C-alpha atoms as a PDB file:
ATOM      1  CA  MET A   1      37.513  29.516-138.648  1.00  0.00           C
ATOM      2  CA  SER A   2      39.472  32.680-139.367  1.00  0.00           C
ATOM      3  CA  LEU A   3      39.812  35.570-136.957  1.00  0.00           C
ATOM      4  CA  ILE A   4      37.743  38.737-137.381  1.00  0.00           C
ATOM      5  CA  ASP A   5      39.754  41.941-136.979  1.00  0.00           C
ATOM      6  CA  LEU A   6      38.051  44.377-134.571  1.00  0.00           C
ATOM      7  CA  SER A   7      40.928  46.843-134.306  1.00  0.00           C
ATOM      8  CA  GLN A   8      39.340  49.711-136.205  1.00  0.00           C
ATOM      9  CA  VAL A   9      36.131  49.846-134.186  1.00  0.00           C
ATOM     10  CA  ALA A  10      37.860  49.058-130.856  1.00  0.00           C
ATOM     11  CA  GLY A  11      40.720  51.519-131.296  1.00  0.00           C
ATOM     12  CA  PHE A  12      43.469  49.017-130.450  1.00  0.00           C
ATOM     13  CA  GLU A  13      44.741  45.723-131.851  1.00  0.00           C
ATOM     14  CA  VAL A  14      42.218  42.966-131.111  1.00  0.00           C
ATOM     15  CA  ALA A  15      40.573  40.160-133.089  1.00  0.00           C
ATOM     16  CA  LEU A  16      37.641  37.823-132.489  1.00  0.00           C
ATOM     17  CA  ASP A  17      37.846  34.037-132.637  1.00  0.00           C
ATOM     18  CA  PRO A  18      34.133  33.400-133.301  1.00  0.00           C
ATOM     19  CA  HIS A  19      34.375  29.640-132.818  1.00  0.00           C
ATOM     20  CA  GLY A  20      35.930  29.806-129.356  1.00  0.00           C
ATOM     21  CA  LEU A  21      34.151  33.030-128.287  1.00  0.00           C
ATOM     22  CA  GLU A  22      37.605  34.416-127.532  1.00  0.00           C
ATOM     23  CA  LEU A  23      39.537  37.612-128.165  1.00  0.00           C
ATOM     24  CA  ARG A  24      43.126  37.753-129.370  1.00  0.00           C
ATOM     25  CA  PHE A  25      44.986  40.881-128.324  1.00  0.00           C
ATOM     26  CA  GLY A  26      47.899  42.523-130.090  1.00  0.00           C
ATOM     27  CA  GLU A  27      51.469  42.428-128.828  1.00  0.00           C
ATOM     28  CA  GLY A  28      51.905  43.950-125.385  1.00  0.00           C
ATOM     29  CA  ILE A  29      48.162  44.003-124.616  1.00  0.00           C
ATOM     30  CA  THR A  30      47.096  41.812-121.689  1.00  0.00           C
ATOM     31  CA  SER A  31      44.051  41.141-119.525  1.00  0.00           C
ATOM     32  CA  ASP A  32      43.085  39.138-116.486  1.00  0.00           C
ATOM     33  CA  PRO A  33      42.341  35.472-117.307  1.00  0.00           C
ATOM     34  CA  PRO A  34      38.997  35.333-119.141  1.00  0.00           C
ATOM     35  CA  GLU A  35      35.899  34.183-117.271  1.00  0.00           C
ATOM     36  CA  VAL A  36      33.280  31.961-118.922  1.00  0.00           C
ATOM     37  CA  ARG A  37      29.591  32.272-118.063  1.00  0.00           C
ATOM     38  CA  ARG A  38      27.651  29.079-118.631  1.00  0.00           C
ATOM     39  CA  ARG A  39      23.952  28.370-118.867  1.00  0.00           C
ATOM     40  CA  ALA A  40      23.893  27.002-115.322  1.00  0.00           C
ATOM     41  CA  ASP A  41      25.294  30.316-114.034  1.00  0.00           C
ATOM     42  CA  ILE A  42      22.233  32.291-115.136  1.00  0.00           C
ATOM     43  CA  ARG A  43      19.414  29.733-114.693  1.00  0.00           C
ATOM     44  CA  GLN A  44      17.770  31.717-111.897  1.00  0.00           C
ATOM     45  CA  MET A  45      17.388  34.691-114.258  1.00  0.00           C
ATOM     46  CA  LEU A  46      15.788  32.778-117.154  1.00  0.00           C
ATOM     47  CA  LEU A  47      12.173  32.609-118.285  1.00  0.00           C
ATOM     48  CA  ASP A  48      12.560  28.812-118.111  1.00  0.00           C
ATOM     49  CA  PRO A  49      15.316  27.818-115.653  1.00  0.00           C
ATOM     50  CA  GLN A  50      15.468  24.351-117.238  1.00  0.00           C
ATOM     51  CA  ALA A  51      15.734  25.645-120.818  1.00  0.00           C
ATOM     52  CA  GLU A  52      18.232  24.101-123.210  1.00  0.00           C
ATOM     53  CA  GLY A  53      20.725  26.042-125.287  1.00  0.00           C
ATOM     54  CA  PRO A  54      24.457  26.690-125.632  1.00  0.00           C
ATOM     55  CA  ASP A  55      26.442  25.820-122.531  1.00  0.00           C
ATOM     56  CA  HIS A  56      29.067  28.536-123.111  1.00  0.00           C
ATOM     57  CA  LEU A  57      27.029  31.753-123.231  1.00  0.00           C
ATOM     58  CA  TYR A  58      29.697  34.431-122.983  1.00  0.00           C
ATOM     59  CA  THR A  59      33.324  35.181-122.188  1.00  0.00           C
ATOM     60  CA  ILE A  60      34.371  38.122-119.990  1.00  0.00           C
ATOM     61  CA  TYR A  61      37.703  39.964-120.119  1.00  0.00           C
ATOM     62  CA  MET A  62      38.557  42.345-117.273  1.00  0.00           C
ATOM     63  CA  HIS A  63      41.466  44.735-116.767  1.00  0.00           C
ATOM     64  CA  ILE A  64      42.567  44.937-120.385  1.00  0.00           C
ATOM     65  CA  ARG A  65      45.908  46.706-120.153  1.00  0.00           C
ATOM     66  CA  LEU A  66      47.018  49.038-122.903  1.00  0.00           C
ATOM     67  CA  GLY A  67      49.820  51.562-122.876  1.00  0.00           C
ATOM     68  CA  ARG A  68      47.682  54.041-120.920  1.00  0.00           C
ATOM     69  CA  ALA A  69      46.478  51.605-118.251  1.00  0.00           C
ATOM     70  CA  ALA A  70      48.025  53.678-115.454  1.00  0.00           C
ATOM     71  CA  ALA A  71      46.209  56.812-116.632  1.00  0.00           C
ATOM     72  CA  LEU A  72      42.916  54.908-116.598  1.00  0.00           C
ATOM     73  CA  GLU A  73      43.506  53.493-113.131  1.00  0.00           C
ATOM     74  CA  GLU A  74      44.370  56.931-111.750  1.00  0.00           C
ATOM     75  CA  ARG A  75      40.829  57.971-112.669  1.00  0.00           C
ATOM     76  CA  GLY A  76      39.314  54.859-111.088  1.00  0.00           C
ATOM     77  CA  LEU A  77      38.529  53.233-114.439  1.00  0.00           C
ATOM     78  CA  GLY A  78      39.171  49.898-116.110  1.00  0.00           C
ATOM     79  CA  LEU A  79      38.695  48.517-119.611  1.00  0.00           C
ATOM     80  CA  GLY A  80      36.919  45.220-120.245  1.00  0.00           C
ATOM     81  CA  ALA A  81      35.238  43.261-123.030  1.00  0.00           C
ATOM     82  CA  VAL A  82      32.605  40.541-123.453  1.00  0.00           C
ATOM     83  CA  VAL A  83      31.940  38.059-126.277  1.00  0.00           C
ATOM     84  CA  TYR A  84      28.382  36.645-126.432  1.00  0.00           C
ATOM     85  CA  ALA A  85      27.381  33.487-128.280  1.00  0.00           C
ATOM     86  CA  ALA A  86      24.628  33.589-130.873  1.00  0.00           C
ATOM     87  CA  GLY A  87      21.550  31.425-130.462  1.00  0.00           C
ATOM     88  CA  THR A  88      18.729  30.801-128.029  1.00  0.00           C
ATOM     89  CA  VAL A  89      18.201  29.473-124.520  1.00  0.00           C
ATOM     90  CA  GLY A  90      14.734  28.018-124.613  1.00  0.00           C
ATOM     91  CA  ARG A  91      12.468  30.752-125.964  1.00  0.00           C
ATOM     92  CA  GLU A  92      14.955  33.542-125.167  1.00  0.00           C
ATOM     93  CA  ARG A  93      17.872  34.967-127.085  1.00  0.00           C
ATOM     94  CA  VAL A  94      21.320  34.450-125.555  1.00  0.00           C
ATOM     95  CA  ARG A  95      21.914  37.294-123.116  1.00  0.00           C
ATOM     96  CA  SER A  96      23.769  38.383-120.017  1.00  0.00           C
ATOM     97  CA  GLN A  97      22.205  37.656-116.648  1.00  0.00           C
ATOM     98  CA  GLY A  98      21.841  41.338-115.752  1.00  0.00           C
ATOM     99  CA  HIS A  99      22.908  43.315-112.707  1.00  0.00           C
ATOM    100  CA  VAL A 100      23.080  46.705-111.021  1.00  0.00           C
ATOM    101  CA  HIS A 101      26.120  48.531-109.644  1.00  0.00           C
ATOM    102  CA  SER A 102      27.036  49.561-106.125  1.00  0.00           C
ATOM    103  CA  CYS A 103      27.339  53.230-105.073  1.00  0.00           C
ATOM    104  CA  PRO A 104      30.537  55.115-104.260  1.00  0.00           C
ATOM    105  CA  PRO A 105      30.940  55.386-100.466  1.00  0.00           C
ATOM    106  CA  GLY A 106      28.811  58.141 -98.957  1.00  0.00           C
ATOM    107  CA  THR A 107      26.754  58.772-102.098  1.00  0.00           C
ATOM    108  CA  GLU A 108      23.362  57.700-103.448  1.00  0.00           C
ATOM    109  CA  LEU A 109      24.220  57.562-107.170  1.00  0.00           C
ATOM    110  CA  ALA A 110      25.555  54.190-108.319  1.00  0.00           C
ATOM    111  CA  TYR A 111      28.659  53.761-110.430  1.00  0.00           C
ATOM    112  CA  SER A 112      28.054  53.771-114.172  1.00  0.00           C
ATOM    113  CA  GLU A 113      29.582  51.901-117.106  1.00  0.00           C
ATOM    114  CA  VAL A 114      29.813  52.566-120.847  1.00  0.00           C
ATOM    115  CA  TYR A 115      29.378  49.778-123.382  1.00  0.00           C
ATOM    116  CA  GLU A 116      30.869  50.134-126.861  1.00  0.00           C
ATOM    117  CA  PHE A 117      29.780  47.542-129.408  1.00  0.00           C
ATOM    118  CA  TRP A 118      32.481  46.124-131.673  1.00  0.00           C
ATOM    119  CA  HIS A 119      30.795  43.322-133.634  1.00  0.00           C
ATOM    120  CA  GLY A 120      27.364  41.830-134.267  1.00  0.00           C
ATOM    121  CA  SER A 121      23.905  43.166-133.510  1.00  0.00           C
ATOM    122  CA  GLY A 122      22.132  43.296-130.198  1.00  0.00           C
ATOM    123  CA  LEU A 123      19.765  44.963-127.798  1.00  0.00           C
ATOM    124  CA  MET A 124      20.466  46.784-124.558  1.00  0.00           C
ATOM    125  CA  TYR A 125      17.652  46.145-122.086  1.00  0.00           C
ATOM    126  CA  LEU A 126      17.440  48.802-119.349  1.00  0.00           C
ATOM    127  CA  GLN A 127      15.029  49.148-116.420  1.00  0.00           C
ATOM    128  CA  ASP A 128      15.171  51.850-113.795  1.00  0.00           C
ATOM    129  CA  VAL A 129      15.148  49.703-110.638  1.00  0.00           C
ATOM    130  CA  ALA A 130      15.798  46.148-109.474  1.00  0.00           C
ATOM    131  CA  SER A 131      12.579  45.933-107.474  1.00  0.00           C
ATOM    132  CA  PRO A 132       9.030  44.633-108.099  1.00  0.00           C
ATOM    133  CA  GLU A 133       7.672  48.061-109.109  1.00  0.00           C
ATOM    134  CA  VAL A 134       9.334  49.426-112.236  1.00  0.00           C
ATOM    135  CA  SER A 135       8.692  52.851-113.763  1.00  0.00           C
ATOM    136  CA  ARG A 136      10.733  52.692-116.975  1.00  0.00           C
ATOM    137  CA  VAL A 137      11.877  49.964-119.358  1.00  0.00           C
ATOM    138  CA  LEU A 138      13.999  50.940-122.375  1.00  0.00           C
ATOM    139  CA  LEU A 139      15.149  48.855-125.335  1.00  0.00           C
ATOM    140  CA  VAL A 140      18.181  50.180-127.237  1.00  0.00           C
ATOM    141  CA  PRO A 141      19.126  48.429-130.523  1.00  0.00           C
ATOM    142  CA  VAL A 142      22.915  48.404-130.962  1.00  0.00           C
ATOM    143  CA  GLY A 143      25.556  47.612-133.569  1.00  0.00           C
ATOM    144  CA  PRO A 144      29.259  48.264-134.241  1.00  0.00           C
ATOM    145  CA  GLY A 145      30.424  51.681-133.050  1.00  0.00           C
ATOM    146  CA  ASP A 146      27.405  52.319-130.833  1.00  0.00           C
ATOM    147  CA  LYS A 147      27.992  53.352-127.221  1.00  0.00           C
ATOM    148  CA  VAL A 148      25.494  53.101-124.362  1.00  0.00           C
ATOM    149  CA  PRO A 149      26.162  54.627-120.908  1.00  0.00           C
ATOM    150  CA  ILE A 150      24.338  52.968-118.022  1.00  0.00           C
ATOM    151  CA  PRO A 151      22.347  55.449-115.898  1.00  0.00           C
ATOM    152  CA  PRO A 152      23.197  55.133-112.183  1.00  0.00           C
ATOM    153  CA  GLY A 153      21.152  52.442-110.466  1.00  0.00           C
ATOM    154  CA  TRP A 154      19.622  51.016-113.636  1.00  0.00           C
ATOM    155  CA  VAL A 155      19.416  47.296-114.367  1.00  0.00           C
ATOM    156  CA  HIS A 156      21.166  46.445-117.630  1.00  0.00           C
ATOM    157  CA  VAL A 157      21.181  43.328-119.784  1.00  0.00           C
ATOM    158  CA  VAL A 158      22.875  42.689-123.143  1.00  0.00           C
ATOM    159  CA  VAL A 159      20.935  40.538-125.635  1.00  0.00           C
ATOM    160  CA  ASN A 160      22.488  39.035-128.769  1.00  0.00           C
ATOM    161  CA  THR A 161      19.782  39.416-131.418  1.00  0.00           C
ATOM    162  CA  GLY A 162      22.008  38.418-134.355  1.00  0.00           C
ATOM    163  CA  GLU A 163      23.271  35.198-135.883  1.00  0.00           C
ATOM    164  CA  GLU A 164      26.941  35.700-135.014  1.00  0.00           C
ATOM    165  CA  PRO A 165      28.823  36.544-131.813  1.00  0.00           C
ATOM    166  CA  LEU A 166      28.145  39.935-130.252  1.00  0.00           C
ATOM    167  CA  VAL A 167      31.248  41.693-128.917  1.00  0.00           C
ATOM    168  CA  LEU A 168      31.450  44.767-126.711  1.00  0.00           C
ATOM    169  CA  GLY A 169      34.070  46.750-124.876  1.00  0.00           C
ATOM    170  CA  ALA A 170      33.351  48.416-121.539  1.00  0.00           C
ATOM    171  CA  VAL A 171      34.757  51.256-119.492  1.00  0.00           C
ATOM    172  CA  TYR A 172      33.853  50.519-115.870  1.00  0.00           C
ATOM    173  CA  ALA A 173      34.597  51.819-112.374  1.00  0.00           C
ATOM    174  CA  LEU A 174      37.311  49.804-110.648  1.00  0.00           C
ATOM    175  CA  GLU A 175      35.636  50.143-107.250  1.00  0.00           C
ATOM    176  CA  THR A 176      32.180  49.029-108.348  1.00  0.00           C
ATOM    177  CA  ARG A 177      30.568  45.833-107.104  1.00  0.00           C
ATOM    178  CA  LEU A 178      28.197  44.014-109.453  1.00  0.00           C
ATOM    179  CA  LEU A 179      24.972  43.207-107.614  1.00  0.00           C
ATOM    180  CA  TYR A 180      23.084  40.183-108.943  1.00  0.00           C
ATOM    181  CA  GLU A 181      20.953  39.104-105.983  1.00  0.00           C
ATOM    182  CA  PRO A 182      18.140  41.679-106.388  1.00  0.00           C
ATOM    183  CA  LEU A 183      17.434  40.305-109.876  1.00  0.00           C
ATOM    184  CA  ARG A 184      17.839  36.678-108.827  1.00  0.00           C
ATOM    185  CA  GLU A 185      15.113  37.176-106.234  1.00  0.00           C
ATOM    186  CA  LEU A 186      12.824  38.413-109.019  1.00  0.00           C
ATOM    187  CA  GLY A 187      13.737  35.687-111.496  1.00  0.00           C
ATOM    188  CA  GLY A 188      15.346  38.178-113.863  1.00  0.00           C
ATOM    189  CA  THR A 189      14.183  41.411-115.454  1.00  0.00           C
ATOM    190  CA  ALA A 190      10.621  42.704-115.810  1.00  0.00           C
ATOM    191  CA  TYR A 191      10.514  41.457-119.412  1.00  0.00           C
ATOM    192  CA  TYR A 192      12.216  38.556-121.148  1.00  0.00           C
ATOM    193  CA  VAL A 193      13.423  39.133-124.726  1.00  0.00           C
ATOM    194  CA  LEU A 194      12.188  36.245-126.879  1.00  0.00           C
ATOM    195  CA  ALA A 195      13.798  34.647-129.907  1.00  0.00           C
ATOM    196  CA  ASP A 196      10.867  35.699-132.115  1.00  0.00           C
ATOM    197  CA  GLY A 197      11.482  39.359-131.266  1.00  0.00           C
ATOM    198  CA  GLY A 198       8.660  39.600-128.763  1.00  0.00           C
ATOM    199  CA  LEU A 199       8.696  40.224-125.025  1.00  0.00           C
ATOM    200  CA  GLU A 200       7.170  38.264-122.172  1.00  0.00           C
ATOM    201  CA  ARG A 201       6.381  39.876-118.850  1.00  0.00           C
ATOM    202  CA  ASN A 202       7.870  38.449-115.663  1.00  0.00           C
ATOM    203  CA  PRO A 203       4.935  37.689-113.305  1.00  0.00           C
ATOM    204  CA  ARG A 204       7.027  38.326-110.178  1.00  0.00           C
ATOM    205  CA  TYR A 205       6.865  42.074-110.833  1.00  0.00           C
ATOM    206  CA  ARG A 206       3.862  43.965-109.420  1.00  0.00           C
ATOM    207  CA  ARG A 207       4.041  47.046-111.640  1.00  0.00           C
ATOM    208  CA  VAL A 208       5.607  47.131-115.088  1.00  0.00           C
ATOM    209  CA  PRO A 209       5.276  49.864-117.751  1.00  0.00           C
ATOM    210  CA  GLU A 210       5.130  49.316-121.471  1.00  0.00           C
ATOM    211  CA  PRO A 211       8.709  49.127-122.793  1.00  0.00           C
ATOM    212  CA  ARG A 212       9.946  51.947-125.017  1.00  0.00           C
ATOM    213  CA  ARG A 213      12.342  51.452-127.912  1.00  0.00           C
ATOM    214  CA  VAL A 214      14.860  54.311-128.013  1.00  0.00           C
ATOM    215  CA  SER A 215      17.938  55.210-130.030  1.00  0.00           C
ATOM    216  CA  VAL A 216      21.578  55.080-129.017  1.00  0.00           C
ATOM    217  CA  PRO A 217      22.458  58.481-127.491  1.00  0.00           C
ATOM    218  CA  ARG A 218      24.908  60.760-129.279  1.00  0.00           C
ATOM    219  CA  GLY A 219      26.810  63.520-127.533  1.00  0.00           C
ATOM    220  CA  ARG A 220      30.294  64.963-127.389  1.00  0.00           C
ATOM    221  CA  GLN A 221      29.815  65.875-123.732  1.00  0.00           C
ATOM    222  CA  ALA A 222      29.562  62.161-122.898  1.00  0.00           C
ATOM    223  CA  CYS A 223      32.186  61.001-125.441  1.00  0.00           C
ATOM    224  CA  LEU A 224      29.607  58.967-127.341  1.00  0.00           C
ATOM    225  CA  GLU A 225      30.616  59.769-130.928  1.00  0.00           C
ATOM    226  CA  PRO A 226      30.175  56.599-133.030  1.00  0.00           C
ATOM    227  CA  ASP A 227      33.344  57.178-135.063  1.00  0.00           C
ATOM    228  CA  LEU A 228      35.650  57.741-132.057  1.00  0.00           C
ATOM    229  CA  PRO A 229      36.502  54.533-130.137  1.00  0.00           C
ATOM    230  CA  MET A 230      36.501  54.821-126.356  1.00  0.00           C
ATOM    231  CA  VAL A 231      40.197  54.032-126.144  1.00  0.00           C
ATOM    232  CA  ARG A 232      41.067  56.868-128.505  1.00  0.00           C
ATOM    233  CA  ALA A 233      38.692  59.239-126.720  1.00  0.00           C
ATOM    234  CA  LEU A 234      40.538  58.488-123.484  1.00  0.00           C
ATOM    235  CA  MET A 235      43.882  59.145-125.152  1.00  0.00           C
ATOM    236  CA  GLU A 236      42.650  62.567-126.273  1.00  0.00           C
ATOM    237  CA  ASP A 237      41.008  63.403-122.937  1.00  0.00           C
ATOM    238  CA  PRO A 238      41.685  61.137-119.925  1.00  0.00           C
ATOM    239  CA  SER A 239      38.756  62.759-118.063  1.00  0.00           C
ATOM    240  CA  CYS A 240      36.320  61.774-120.823  1.00  0.00           C
ATOM    241  CA  TYR A 241      34.571  59.031-118.841  1.00  0.00           C
ATOM    242  CA  ASP A 242      34.958  60.414-115.322  1.00  0.00           C
ATOM    243  CA  TYR A 243      31.168  60.226-115.046  1.00  0.00           C
ATOM    244  CA  VAL A 244      31.536  56.429-114.816  1.00  0.00           C
ATOM    245  CA  SER A 245      33.623  56.462-111.620  1.00  0.00           C
ATOM    246  CA  ARG A 246      32.326  59.791-110.215  1.00  0.00           C
ATOM    247  CA  PRO A 247      28.613  59.750-111.065  1.00  0.00           C
ATOM    248  CA  GLN A 248      27.639  62.150-108.280  1.00  0.00           C
ATOM    249  CA  GLU A 249      29.735  64.911-109.915  1.00  0.00           C
ATOM    250  CA  HIS A 250      27.891  64.638-113.233  1.00  0.00           C
ATOM    251  CA  ARG A 251      24.189  64.972-112.438  1.00  0.00           C
ATOM    252  CA  ALA A 252      23.620  67.282-115.408  1.00  0.00           C
ATOM    253  CA  LEU A 253      24.908  64.586-117.742  1.00  0.00           C
ATOM    254  CA  TRP A 254      22.485  62.017-116.321  1.00  0.00           C
ATOM    255  CA  ASP A 255      19.634  64.504-116.716  1.00  0.00           C
ATOM    256  CA  TRP A 256      20.696  65.006-120.337  1.00  0.00           C
ATOM    257  CA  LEU A 257      20.881  61.270-121.023  1.00  0.00           C
ATOM    258  CA  LEU A 258      17.476  60.471-119.564  1.00  0.00           C
ATOM    259  CA  GLY A 259      16.079  63.485-121.395  1.00  0.00           C
ATOM    260  CA  GLU A 260      17.408  62.028-124.654  1.00  0.00           C
ATOM    261  CA  TRP A 261      15.477  58.884-123.808  1.00  0.00           C
ATOM    262  CA  GLY A 262      12.242  60.717-123.129  1.00  0.00           C
ATOM    263  CA  GLY A 263      12.656  62.060-119.614  1.00  0.00           C
END
C-alpha cells in the first residue's frame, strides 16, 4: 500500500503508512521509538472489556525533533503524533483510552495540549472532570487542519469515526504526567461512542449531563487557524503555544475557549 503524504497539513515532511499504522519522517527528522497501544492496554476503559477488535489500536510518536526542537524545549514544549486504526472494538469505534494531565508545581490549572488533525475524520470527546459527577460533556467533530486545545483538567479522548486511519499531531508540555487511573476506576468516560454513531452512558457515573456537539474553535490568539500548521505557527512565533506549558498565565484564553463552547 502506498504512502500518503501529510506534509502540507503537518507543515513538515511526513507520510503515513496506512497498512502499518506508521509515520515516515523526512530526512533529518527523528522521534523517540514509537509506542504501540493494543486492545489489552485499554480493556479497563471499554464498554465491554472482553470486546473483540483490532489488536493494534494506535501508534504514538513522542519528541519529534525538527530543526527548531531546541526552541520548543526552551518553552517546555514537545511535538508528538498518533496514528489510530479504523474499525470497531465491540460496539465502540476505535479510540484512545483517555486521560487527564498533571498540574505545574504550585498551581491548580493542569497542563494543556493542542491536537492538530492531519488525516481522516474523527471526534474529540471532552468532559470537564475525571470523577463520578460530571458537569459538561462536549463532542467536537474533527478533520484535516482542525486544531483542538484541551482545557486544563479536562478528560480527552480521540475517536476514529472514519474508515481509514486517523492521524494527529500534538504540541504538549514536556513536564506533564498523563493520569489514567481516575478513568480506569470509572471504567472509562461518562459516555461511550458507539459504532452506529450513538452514545451509551457509563453507569458508574452518578451525574452526567446531556452531551453537546460543538465546533472546532478558531482564533488567532490561540494559534488555531486551520490553514497554518502548528509547526509553522511556532516558527513564526515561538511563544504561540505557551498556554500549553504555562496554563496559569493564560486564564483569559481558557475563558475565551470555554465561552466559544457555550460557557
